[in-house]
């Protein structure tokens, strides 16, 4: 065997026929079809981030983000409801609205 034939396997035509080996000319052609292979979806722990809320509450709605999709800036991941956070926001917003109305009356 010469160095330019390294990796070449030769099988006699009798053994090719016995084993059922067929050969054909290699051609470029578009490939179409469905390939079904076994697989498993797993979480990449290196890209997992936990969101820790400062108040007790629960997730009300999840955004339209299928697993594995990329998230863009300002994209909604979920809406979070917390009674104590709502009360604090109302306590802040109510005086602000009164202040704006009072300034508008001047």
PDB file of N, CA and C in Angstrom:
ATOM      1  N   UNK A   1       0.852  -1.172   0.000  1.00  0.00           N
ATOM      2  CA  UNK A   1       0.000   0.000   0.000  1.00  0.00           C
ATOM      3  C   UNK A   1       0.896   1.232   0.000  1.00  0.00           C
ATOM      4  N   UNK A   2       0.599   2.174  -0.875  1.00  0.00           N
ATOM      5  CA  UNK A   2       1.411   3.385  -0.984  1.00  0.00           C
ATOM      6  C   UNK A   2       0.903   4.436   0.001  1.00  0.00           C
ATOM      7  N   UNK A   3       1.737   5.443   0.328  1.00  0.00           N
ATOM      8  CA  UNK A   3       1.326   6.473   1.297  1.00  0.00           C
ATOM      9  C   UNK A   3       0.076   7.244   0.864  1.00  0.00           C
ATOM     10  N   UNK A   4      -0.150   7.428  -0.443  1.00  0.00           N
ATOM     11  CA  UNK A   4      -1.335   8.185  -0.883  1.00  0.00           C
ATOM     12  C   UNK A   4      -2.616   7.364  -0.757  1.00  0.00           C
ATOM     13  N   UNK A   5      -2.489   6.082  -0.429  1.00  0.00           N
ATOM     14  CA  UNK A   5      -3.659   5.224  -0.263  1.00  0.00           C
ATOM     15  C   UNK A   5      -3.958   4.935   1.207  1.00  0.00           C
ATOM     16  N   UNK A   6      -3.392   5.693   2.095  1.00  0.00           N
ATOM     17  CA  UNK A   6      -3.634   5.473   3.529  1.00  0.00           C
ATOM     18  C   UNK A   6      -5.121   5.645   3.821  1.00  0.00           C
ATOM     19  N   UNK A   7      -5.691   4.724   4.545  1.00  0.00           N
ATOM     20  CA  UNK A   7      -7.105   4.783   4.890  1.00  0.00           C
ATOM     21  C   UNK A   7      -8.021   4.135   3.876  1.00  0.00           C
ATOM     22  N   UNK A   8      -7.491   3.635   2.779  1.00  0.00           N
ATOM     23  CA  UNK A   8      -8.295   2.994   1.740  1.00  0.00           C
ATOM     24  C   UNK A   8      -8.558   1.548   2.150  1.00  0.00           C
ATOM     25  N   UNK A   9      -9.804   1.138   2.023  1.00  0.00           N
ATOM     26  CA  UNK A   9     -10.173  -0.244   2.335  1.00  0.00           C
ATOM     27  C   UNK A   9     -10.584  -0.911   1.032  1.00  0.00           C
ATOM     28  N   UNK A  10     -10.053  -2.055   0.777  1.00  0.00           N
ATOM     29  CA  UNK A  10     -10.391  -2.786  -0.439  1.00  0.00           C
ATOM     30  C   UNK A  10     -11.138  -4.068  -0.061  1.00  0.00           C
ATOM     31  N   UNK A  11     -12.280  -4.249  -0.737  1.00  0.00           N
ATOM     32  CA  UNK A  11     -13.096  -5.445  -0.513  1.00  0.00           C
ATOM     33  C   UNK A  11     -13.378  -6.042  -1.885  1.00  0.00           C
ATOM     34  N   UNK A  12     -13.146  -7.332  -2.017  1.00  0.00           N
ATOM     35  CA  UNK A  12     -13.363  -7.984  -3.314  1.00  0.00           C
ATOM     36  C   UNK A  12     -14.848  -7.919  -3.690  1.00  0.00           C
ATOM     37  N   UNK A  13     -15.128  -7.988  -4.998  1.00  0.00           N
ATOM     38  CA  UNK A  13     -16.509  -7.886  -5.480  1.00  0.00           C
ATOM     39  C   UNK A  13     -17.364  -9.045  -4.968  1.00  0.00           C
ATOM     40  N   UNK A  14     -16.772 -10.214  -4.757  1.00  0.00           N
ATOM     41  CA  UNK A  14     -17.530 -11.362  -4.237  1.00  0.00           C
ATOM     42  C   UNK A  14     -17.999 -11.076  -2.811  1.00  0.00           C
ATOM     43  N   UNK A  15     -17.106 -10.517  -1.989  1.00  0.00           N
ATOM     44  CA  UNK A  15     -17.469 -10.218  -0.604  1.00  0.00           C
ATOM     45  C   UNK A  15     -18.441  -9.033  -0.545  1.00  0.00           C
ATOM     46  N   UNK A  16     -18.315  -8.061  -1.457  1.00  0.00           N
ATOM     47  CA  UNK A  16     -19.254  -6.935  -1.503  1.00  0.00           C
ATOM     48  C   UNK A  16     -20.657  -7.463  -1.770  1.00  0.00           C
ATOM     49  N   UNK A  17     -20.774  -8.404  -2.712  1.00  0.00           N
ATOM     50  CA  UNK A  17     -22.068  -8.964  -3.052  1.00  0.00           C
ATOM     51  C   UNK A  17     -22.613  -9.787  -1.890  1.00  0.00           C
ATOM     52  N   UNK A  18     -21.762 -10.527  -1.206  1.00  0.00           N
ATOM     53  CA  UNK A  18     -22.165 -11.351  -0.077  1.00  0.00           C
ATOM     54  C   UNK A  18     -22.691 -10.490   1.074  1.00  0.00           C
ATOM     55  N   UNK A  19     -22.036  -9.359   1.335  1.00  0.00           N
ATOM     56  CA  UNK A  19     -22.417  -8.476   2.436  1.00  0.00           C
ATOM     57  C   UNK A  19     -23.556  -7.547   2.026  1.00  0.00           C
ATOM     58  N   UNK A  20     -23.724  -7.289   0.734  1.00  0.00           N
ATOM     59  CA  UNK A  20     -24.788  -6.411   0.257  1.00  0.00           C
ATOM     60  C   UNK A  20     -24.338  -4.973   0.084  1.00  0.00           C
ATOM     61  N   UNK A  21     -23.070  -4.755  -0.164  1.00  0.00           N
ATOM     62  CA  UNK A  21     -22.552  -3.402  -0.368  1.00  0.00           C
ATOM     63  C   UNK A  21     -22.882  -2.965  -1.790  1.00  0.00           C
ATOM     64  N   UNK A  22     -23.415  -1.761  -1.927  1.00  0.00           N
ATOM     65  CA  UNK A  22     -23.695  -1.183  -3.241  1.00  0.00           C
ATOM     66  C   UNK A  22     -22.907   0.100  -3.377  1.00  0.00           C
ATOM     67  N   UNK A  23     -22.511   0.429  -4.557  1.00  0.00           N
ATOM     68  CA  UNK A  23     -21.790   1.681  -4.801  1.00  0.00           C
ATOM     69  C   UNK A  23     -22.536   2.490  -5.848  1.00  0.00           C
ATOM     70  N   UNK A  24     -22.304   3.804  -5.803  1.00  0.00           N
ATOM     71  CA  UNK A  24     -22.929   4.698  -6.774  1.00  0.00           C
ATOM     72  C   UNK A  24     -22.039   5.930  -6.886  1.00  0.00           C
ATOM     73  N   UNK A  25     -22.245   6.669  -7.944  1.00  0.00           N
ATOM     74  CA  UNK A  25     -21.484   7.893  -8.174  1.00  0.00           C
ATOM     75  C   UNK A  25     -22.000   8.987  -7.241  1.00  0.00           C
ATOM     76  N   UNK A  26     -21.082   9.735  -6.673  1.00  0.00           N
ATOM     77  CA  UNK A  26     -21.451  10.846  -5.786  1.00  0.00           C
ATOM     78  C   UNK A  26     -21.916  12.017  -6.636  1.00  0.00           C
ATOM     79  N   UNK A  27     -23.092  12.576  -6.294  1.00  0.00           N
ATOM     80  CA  UNK A  27     -23.653  13.702  -7.035  1.00  0.00           C
ATOM     81  C   UNK A  27     -24.143  14.748  -6.039  1.00  0.00           C
ATOM     82  N   UNK A  28     -24.112  16.011  -6.495  1.00  0.00           N
ATOM     83  CA  UNK A  28     -24.706  17.080  -5.688  1.00  0.00           C
ATOM     84  C   UNK A  28     -26.193  17.130  -6.001  1.00  0.00           C
ATOM     85  N   UNK A  29     -27.005  17.135  -4.944  1.00  0.00           N
ATOM     86  CA  UNK A  29     -28.456  17.197  -5.114  1.00  0.00           C
ATOM     87  C   UNK A  29     -29.049  17.770  -3.836  1.00  0.00           C
ATOM     88  N   UNK A  30     -30.182  18.453  -3.966  1.00  0.00           N
ATOM     89  CA  UNK A  30     -30.814  18.983  -2.747  1.00  0.00           C
ATOM     90  C   UNK A  30     -31.305  17.824  -1.877  1.00  0.00           C
ATOM     91  N   UNK A  31     -31.158  17.992  -0.588  1.00  0.00           N
ATOM     92  CA  UNK A  31     -31.595  16.949   0.341  1.00  0.00           C
ATOM     93  C   UNK A  31     -32.847  17.415   1.062  1.00  0.00           C
ATOM     94  N   UNK A  32     -33.834  16.575   1.097  1.00  0.00           N
ATOM     95  CA  UNK A  32     -35.065  16.884   1.814  1.00  0.00           C
ATOM     96  C   UNK A  32     -35.529  15.624   2.505  1.00  0.00           C
ATOM     97  N   UNK A  33     -36.114  15.814   3.643  1.00  0.00           N
ATOM     98  CA  UNK A  33     -36.617  14.668   4.375  1.00  0.00           C
ATOM     99  C   UNK A  33     -36.609  14.961   5.855  1.00  0.00           C
ATOM    100  N   UNK A  34     -37.215  14.082   6.601  1.00  0.00           N
ATOM    101  CA  UNK A  34     -37.285  14.234   8.048  1.00  0.00           C
ATOM    102  C   UNK A  34     -36.333  13.233   8.668  1.00  0.00           C
ATOM    103  N   UNK A  35     -35.541  13.717   9.585  1.00  0.00           N
ATOM    104  CA  UNK A  35     -34.599  12.866  10.298  1.00  0.00           C
ATOM    105  C   UNK A  35     -35.038  12.816  11.750  1.00  0.00           C
ATOM    106  N   UNK A  36     -35.454  11.681  12.201  1.00  0.00           N
ATOM    107  CA  UNK A  36     -35.891  11.517  13.591  1.00  0.00           C
ATOM    108  C   UNK A  36     -34.794  10.795  14.360  1.00  0.00           C
ATOM    109  N   UNK A  37     -34.334  11.440  15.405  1.00  0.00           N
ATOM    110  CA  UNK A  37     -33.277  10.858  16.224  1.00  0.00           C
ATOM    111  C   UNK A  37     -33.673  10.983  17.688  1.00  0.00           C
ATOM    112  N   UNK A  38     -33.245  10.056  18.510  1.00  0.00           N
ATOM    113  CA  UNK A  38     -33.550  10.174  19.936  1.00  0.00           C
ATOM    114  C   UNK A  38     -32.754  11.326  20.544  1.00  0.00           C
ATOM    115  N   UNK A  39     -33.323  11.967  21.521  1.00  0.00           N
ATOM    116  CA  UNK A  39     -32.628  13.065  22.180  1.00  0.00           C
ATOM    117  C   UNK A  39     -33.279  13.392  23.503  1.00  0.00           C
ATOM    118  N   UNK A  40     -32.656  14.314  24.215  1.00  0.00           N
ATOM    119  CA  UNK A  40     -33.168  14.725  25.512  1.00  0.00           C
ATOM    120  C   UNK A  40     -32.922  16.206  25.693  1.00  0.00           C
ATOM    121  N   UNK A  41     -33.921  16.934  26.160  1.00  0.00           N
ATOM    122  CA  UNK A  41     -33.767  18.351  26.451  1.00  0.00           C
ATOM    123  C   UNK A  41     -33.310  18.473  27.890  1.00  0.00           C
ATOM    124  N   UNK A  42     -32.258  19.240  28.092  1.00  0.00           N
ATOM    125  CA  UNK A  42     -31.716  19.400  29.444  1.00  0.00           C
ATOM    126  C   UNK A  42     -31.384  20.866  29.693  1.00  0.00           C
ATOM    127  N   UNK A  43     -31.457  21.261  30.938  1.00  0.00           N
ATOM    128  CA  UNK A  43     -31.139  22.628  31.344  1.00  0.00           C
ATOM    129  C   UNK A  43     -29.633  22.810  31.338  1.00  0.00           C
ATOM    130  N   UNK A  44     -29.177  23.933  30.796  1.00  0.00           N
ATOM    131  CA  UNK A  44     -27.760  24.278  30.843  1.00  0.00           C
ATOM    132  C   UNK A  44     -27.538  25.074  32.132  1.00  0.00           C
ATOM    133  N   UNK A  45     -27.004  24.421  33.154  1.00  0.00           N
ATOM    134  CA  UNK A  45     -26.821  25.069  34.459  1.00  0.00           C
ATOM    135  C   UNK A  45     -25.903  26.283  34.399  1.00  0.00           C
ATOM    136  N   UNK A  46     -25.066  26.369  33.394  1.00  0.00           N
ATOM    137  CA  UNK A  46     -24.177  27.521  33.247  1.00  0.00           C
ATOM    138  C   UNK A  46     -24.937  28.760  32.781  1.00  0.00           C
ATOM    139  N   UNK A  47     -26.142  28.583  32.234  1.00  0.00           N
ATOM    140  CA  UNK A  47     -26.926  29.710  31.707  1.00  0.00           C
ATOM    141  C   UNK A  47     -28.253  29.856  32.441  1.00  0.00           C
ATOM    142  N   UNK A  48     -28.344  29.342  33.672  1.00  0.00           N
ATOM    143  CA  UNK A  48     -29.550  29.404  34.469  1.00  0.00           C
ATOM    144  C   UNK A  48     -29.408  30.535  35.479  1.00  0.00           C
ATOM    145  N   UNK A  49     -30.384  31.432  35.510  1.00  0.00           N
ATOM    146  CA  UNK A  49     -30.342  32.570  36.421  1.00  0.00           C
ATOM    147  C   UNK A  49     -31.590  32.542  37.289  1.00  0.00           C
ATOM    148  N   UNK A  50     -31.413  32.767  38.549  1.00  0.00           N
ATOM    149  CA  UNK A  50     -32.537  32.799  39.480  1.00  0.00           C
ATOM    150  C   UNK A  50     -32.917  34.249  39.752  1.00  0.00           C
ATOM    151  N   UNK A  51     -34.223  34.494  39.802  1.00  0.00           N
ATOM    152  CA  UNK A  51     -34.738  35.815  40.141  1.00  0.00           C
ATOM    153  C   UNK A  51     -35.264  35.718  41.567  1.00  0.00           C
ATOM    154  N   UNK A  52     -34.719  36.540  42.437  1.00  0.00           N
ATOM    155  CA  UNK A  52     -35.125  36.507  43.833  1.00  0.00           C
ATOM    156  C   UNK A  52     -35.908  37.783  44.125  1.00  0.00           C
ATOM    157  N   UNK A  53     -37.184  37.617  44.458  1.00  0.00           N
ATOM    158  CA  UNK A  53     -38.037  38.757  44.774  1.00  0.00           C
ATOM    159  C   UNK A  53     -37.850  39.118  46.244  1.00  0.00           C
ATOM    160  N   UNK A  54     -37.963  40.396  46.549  1.00  0.00           N
ATOM    161  CA  UNK A  54     -37.776  40.857  47.919  1.00  0.00           C
ATOM    162  C   UNK A  54     -39.045  40.706  48.751  1.00  0.00           C
ATOM    163  N   UNK A  55     -40.166  40.388  48.115  1.00  0.00           N
ATOM    164  CA  UNK A  55     -41.434  40.247  48.833  1.00  0.00           C
ATOM    165  C   UNK A  55     -42.105  38.940  48.437  1.00  0.00           C
ATOM    166  N   UNK A  56     -43.004  38.469  49.305  1.00  0.00           N
ATOM    167  CA  UNK A  56     -43.757  37.250  48.997  1.00  0.00           C
ATOM    168  C   UNK A  56     -44.807  37.546  47.938  1.00  0.00           C
ATOM    169  N   UNK A  57     -44.984  36.616  47.028  1.00  0.00           N
ATOM    170  CA  UNK A  57     -45.969  36.789  45.972  1.00  0.00           C
ATOM    171  C   UNK A  57     -45.968  35.568  45.085  1.00  0.00           C
ATOM    172  N   UNK A  58     -46.551  35.716  43.908  1.00  0.00           N
ATOM    173  CA  UNK A  58     -46.582  34.595  42.971  1.00  0.00           C
ATOM    174  C   UNK A  58     -46.597  35.100  41.538  1.00  0.00           C
ATOM    175  N   UNK A  59     -46.236  34.210  40.635  1.00  0.00           N
ATOM    176  CA  UNK A  59     -46.240  34.503  39.200  1.00  0.00           C
ATOM    177  C   UNK A  59     -47.681  34.399  38.712  1.00  0.00           C
ATOM    178  N   UNK A  60     -48.164  35.466  38.078  1.00  0.00           N
ATOM    179  CA  UNK A  60     -49.543  35.453  37.547  1.00  0.00           C
ATOM    180  C   UNK A  60     -49.579  34.948  36.120  1.00  0.00           C
ATOM    181  N   UNK A  61     -48.726  35.450  35.272  1.00  0.00           N
ATOM    182  CA  UNK A  61     -48.708  35.063  33.857  1.00  0.00           C
ATOM    183  C   UNK A  61     -47.268  34.885  33.396  1.00  0.00           C
ATOM    184  N   UNK A  62     -47.078  33.972  32.473  1.00  0.00           N
ATOM    185  CA  UNK A  62     -45.774  33.791  31.845  1.00  0.00           C
ATOM    186  C   UNK A  62     -45.817  34.404  30.454  1.00  0.00           C
ATOM    187  N   UNK A  63     -44.712  35.017  30.026  1.00  0.00           N
ATOM    188  CA  UNK A  63     -44.632  35.567  28.679  1.00  0.00           C
ATOM    189  C   UNK A  63     -44.553  34.449  27.655  1.00  0.00           C
ATOM    190  N   UNK A  64     -44.662  34.794  26.399  1.00  0.00           N
ATOM    191  CA  UNK A  64     -44.597  33.816  25.306  1.00  0.00           C
ATOM    192  C   UNK A  64     -43.137  33.535  24.975  1.00  0.00           C
ATOM    193  N   UNK A  65     -42.486  32.765  25.829  1.00  0.00           N
ATOM    194  CA  UNK A  65     -41.062  32.473  25.680  1.00  0.00           C
ATOM    195  C   UNK A  65     -40.846  30.969  25.775  1.00  0.00           C
ATOM    196  N   UNK A  66     -40.843  30.263  24.653  1.00  0.00           N
ATOM    197  CA  UNK A  66     -40.614  28.821  24.727  1.00  0.00           C
ATOM    198  C   UNK A  66     -39.211  28.511  25.241  1.00  0.00           C
ATOM    199  N   UNK A  67     -39.057  27.360  25.827  1.00  0.00           N
ATOM    200  CA  UNK A  67     -37.760  26.953  26.377  1.00  0.00           C
ATOM    201  C   UNK A  67     -36.686  27.005  25.304  1.00  0.00           C
ATOM    202  N   UNK A  68     -35.561  27.577  25.654  1.00  0.00           N
ATOM    203  CA  UNK A  68     -34.435  27.647  24.736  1.00  0.00           C
ATOM    204  C   UNK A  68     -34.411  28.885  23.862  1.00  0.00           C
ATOM    205  N   UNK A  69     -35.455  29.714  23.915  1.00  0.00           N
ATOM    206  CA  UNK A  69     -35.469  30.907  23.066  1.00  0.00           C
ATOM    207  C   UNK A  69     -34.609  32.004  23.681  1.00  0.00           C
ATOM    208  N   UNK A  70     -34.096  32.895  22.843  1.00  0.00           N
ATOM    209  CA  UNK A  70     -33.306  34.014  23.306  1.00  0.00           C
ATOM    210  C   UNK A  70     -34.240  35.127  23.751  1.00  0.00           C
ATOM    211  N   UNK A  71     -33.875  35.812  24.810  1.00  0.00           N
ATOM    212  CA  UNK A  71     -34.678  36.894  25.363  1.00  0.00           C
ATOM    213  C   UNK A  71     -34.037  38.213  24.986  1.00  0.00           C
ATOM    214  N   UNK A  72     -34.873  39.133  24.481  1.00  0.00           N
ATOM    215  CA  UNK A  72     -34.384  40.456  24.105  1.00  0.00           C
ATOM    216  C   UNK A  72     -34.640  41.447  25.234  1.00  0.00           C
ATOM    217  N   UNK A  73     -33.978  42.581  25.163  1.00  0.00           N
ATOM    218  CA  UNK A  73     -34.142  43.643  26.140  1.00  0.00           C
ATOM    219  C   UNK A  73     -35.609  44.067  26.186  1.00  0.00           C
ATOM    220  N   UNK A  74     -36.126  44.287  27.376  1.00  0.00           N
ATOM    221  CA  UNK A  74     -37.498  44.730  27.642  1.00  0.00           C
ATOM    222  C   UNK A  74     -38.564  43.695  27.278  1.00  0.00           C
ATOM    223  N   UNK A  75     -38.178  42.470  27.038  1.00  0.00           N
ATOM    224  CA  UNK A  75     -39.153  41.423  26.745  1.00  0.00           C
ATOM    225  C   UNK A  75     -39.737  40.917  28.065  1.00  0.00           C
ATOM    226  N   UNK A  76     -41.055  40.743  28.125  1.00  0.00           N
ATOM    227  CA  UNK A  76     -41.724  40.311  29.354  1.00  0.00           C
ATOM    228  C   UNK A  76     -41.491  38.821  29.558  1.00  0.00           C
ATOM    229  N   UNK A  77     -40.946  38.476  30.710  1.00  0.00           N
ATOM    230  CA  UNK A  77     -40.753  37.073  31.058  1.00  0.00           C
ATOM    231  C   UNK A  77     -41.948  36.542  31.835  1.00  0.00           C
ATOM    232  N   UNK A  78     -42.426  37.359  32.787  1.00  0.00           N
ATOM    233  CA  UNK A  78     -43.560  36.948  33.605  1.00  0.00           C
ATOM    234  C   UNK A  78     -44.100  38.173  34.331  1.00  0.00           C
ATOM    235  N   UNK A  79     -45.345  38.066  34.817  1.00  0.00           N
ATOM    236  CA  UNK A  79     -45.877  39.123  35.680  1.00  0.00           C
ATOM    237  C   UNK A  79     -45.975  38.550  37.090  1.00  0.00           C
ATOM    238  N   UNK A  80     -45.569  39.349  38.040  1.00  0.00           N
ATOM    239  CA  UNK A  80     -45.441  38.925  39.436  1.00  0.00           C
ATOM    240  C   UNK A  80     -46.424  39.725  40.276  1.00  0.00           C
ATOM    241  N   UNK A  81     -47.182  39.066  41.142  1.00  0.00           N
ATOM    242  CA  UNK A  81     -48.137  39.751  42.001  1.00  0.00           C
ATOM    243  C   UNK A  81     -47.672  39.624  43.446  1.00  0.00           C
ATOM    244  N   UNK A  82     -47.617  40.764  44.128  1.00  0.00           N
ATOM    245  CA  UNK A  82     -47.279  40.785  45.552  1.00  0.00           C
ATOM    246  C   UNK A  82     -48.147  41.849  46.212  1.00  0.00           C
ATOM    247  N   UNK A  83     -48.969  41.440  47.179  1.00  0.00           N
ATOM    248  CA  UNK A  83     -49.888  42.368  47.836  1.00  0.00           C
ATOM    249  C   UNK A  83     -49.131  43.496  48.525  1.00  0.00           C
ATOM    250  N   UNK A  84     -48.059  43.180  49.220  1.00  0.00           N
ATOM    251  CA  UNK A  84     -47.316  44.221  49.940  1.00  0.00           C
ATOM    252  C   UNK A  84     -46.639  45.194  48.970  1.00  0.00           C
ATOM    253  N   UNK A  85     -46.186  44.705  47.824  1.00  0.00           N
ATOM    254  CA  UNK A  85     -45.576  45.577  46.833  1.00  0.00           C
ATOM    255  C   UNK A  85     -46.622  46.487  46.202  1.00  0.00           C
ATOM    256  N   UNK A  86     -47.813  45.959  45.968  1.00  0.00           N
ATOM    257  CA  UNK A  86     -48.895  46.753  45.409  1.00  0.00           C
ATOM    258  C   UNK A  86     -49.284  47.872  46.375  1.00  0.00           C
ATOM    259  N   UNK A  87     -49.391  47.555  47.646  1.00  0.00           N
ATOM    260  CA  UNK A  87     -49.746  48.568  48.648  1.00  0.00           C
ATOM    261  C   UNK A  87     -48.674  49.658  48.715  1.00  0.00           C
ATOM    262  N   UNK A  88     -47.414  49.282  48.652  1.00  0.00           N
ATOM    263  CA  UNK A  88     -46.336  50.277  48.697  1.00  0.00           C
ATOM    264  C   UNK A  88     -46.369  51.163  47.457  1.00  0.00           C
ATOM    265  N   UNK A  89     -46.645  50.590  46.299  1.00  0.00           N
ATOM    266  CA  UNK A  89     -46.720  51.375  45.064  1.00  0.00           C
ATOM    267  C   UNK A  89     -47.886  52.353  45.122  1.00  0.00           C
ATOM    268  N   UNK A  90     -49.027  51.900  45.621  1.00  0.00           N
ATOM    269  CA  UNK A  90     -50.190  52.786  45.740  1.00  0.00           C
ATOM    270  C   UNK A  90     -49.919  53.916  46.731  1.00  0.00           C
ATOM    271  N   UNK A  91     -49.231  53.611  47.820  1.00  0.00           N
ATOM    272  CA  UNK A  91     -48.888  54.630  48.814  1.00  0.00           C
ATOM    273  C   UNK A  91     -47.997  55.699  48.201  1.00  0.00           C
ATOM    274  N   UNK A  92     -47.156  55.337  47.256  1.00  0.00           N
ATOM    275  CA  UNK A  92     -46.272  56.295  46.589  1.00  0.00           C
ATOM    276  C   UNK A  92     -47.003  57.060  45.476  1.00  0.00           C
ATOM    277  N   UNK A  93     -47.780  56.343  44.667  1.00  0.00           N
ATOM    278  CA  UNK A  93     -48.419  56.956  43.503  1.00  0.00           C
ATOM    279  C   UNK A  93     -49.542  57.919  43.899  1.00  0.00           C
ATOM    280  N   UNK A  94     -50.317  57.590  44.915  1.00  0.00           N
ATOM    281  CA  UNK A  94     -51.445  58.438  45.309  1.00  0.00           C
ATOM    282  C   UNK A  94     -51.000  59.864  45.652  1.00  0.00           C
ATOM    283  N   UNK A  95     -49.982  60.089  46.514  1.00  0.00           N
ATOM    284  CA  UNK A  95     -49.551  61.460  46.781  1.00  0.00           C
ATOM    285  C   UNK A  95     -48.973  62.151  45.537  1.00  0.00           C
ATOM    286  N   UNK A  96     -48.327  61.390  44.660  1.00  0.00           N
ATOM    287  CA  UNK A  96     -47.772  61.985  43.438  1.00  0.00           C
ATOM    288  C   UNK A  96     -48.893  62.529  42.560  1.00  0.00           C
ATOM    289  N   UNK A  97     -49.990  61.772  42.435  1.00  0.00           N
ATOM    290  CA  UNK A  97     -51.125  62.242  41.638  1.00  0.00           C
ATOM    291  C   UNK A  97     -51.743  63.487  42.259  1.00  0.00           C
ATOM    292  N   UNK A  98     -51.870  63.504  43.589  1.00  0.00           N
ATOM    293  CA  UNK A  98     -52.435  64.686  44.268  1.00  0.00           C
ATOM    294  C   UNK A  98     -51.546  65.899  44.059  1.00  0.00           C
ATOM    295  N   UNK A  99     -50.222  65.665  44.098  1.00  0.00           N
ATOM    296  CA  UNK A  99     -49.261  66.764  43.915  1.00  0.00           C
ATOM    297  C   UNK A  99     -49.381  67.326  42.497  1.00  0.00           C
ATOM    298  N   UNK A 100     -49.532  66.467  41.511  1.00  0.00           N
ATOM    299  CA  UNK A 100     -49.680  66.927  40.120  1.00  0.00           C
ATOM    300  C   UNK A 100     -50.975  67.700  39.941  1.00  0.00           C
ATOM    301  N   UNK A 101     -52.061  67.213  40.543  1.00  0.00           N
ATOM    302  CA  UNK A 101     -53.332  67.946  40.439  1.00  0.00           C
ATOM    303  C   UNK A 101     -53.229  69.294  41.137  1.00  0.00           C
ATOM    304  N   UNK A 102     -52.560  69.324  42.275  1.00  0.00           N
ATOM    305  CA  UNK A 102     -52.419  70.567  43.039  1.00  0.00           C
ATOM    306  C   UNK A 102     -51.581  71.585  42.253  1.00  0.00           C
ATOM    307  N   UNK A 103     -50.482  71.102  41.618  1.00  0.00           N
ATOM    308  CA  UNK A 103     -49.647  72.006  40.826  1.00  0.00           C
ATOM    309  C   UNK A 103     -50.397  72.500  39.589  1.00  0.00           C
ATOM    310  N   UNK A 104     -51.265  71.651  39.019  1.00  0.00           N
ATOM    311  CA  UNK A 104     -52.040  72.049  37.844  1.00  0.00           C
ATOM    312  C   UNK A 104     -53.080  73.100  38.177  1.00  0.00           C
ATOM    313  N   UNK A 105     -53.526  73.161  39.427  1.00  0.00           N
ATOM    314  CA  UNK A 105     -54.548  74.122  39.824  1.00  0.00           C
ATOM    315  C   UNK A 105     -53.954  75.528  40.022  1.00  0.00           C
ATOM    316  N   UNK A 106     -52.652  75.599  40.179  1.00  0.00           N
ATOM    317  CA  UNK A 106     -52.007  76.899  40.437  1.00  0.00           C
ATOM    318  C   UNK A 106     -51.920  77.745  39.219  1.00  0.00           C
TER     319      UNK A 106
END
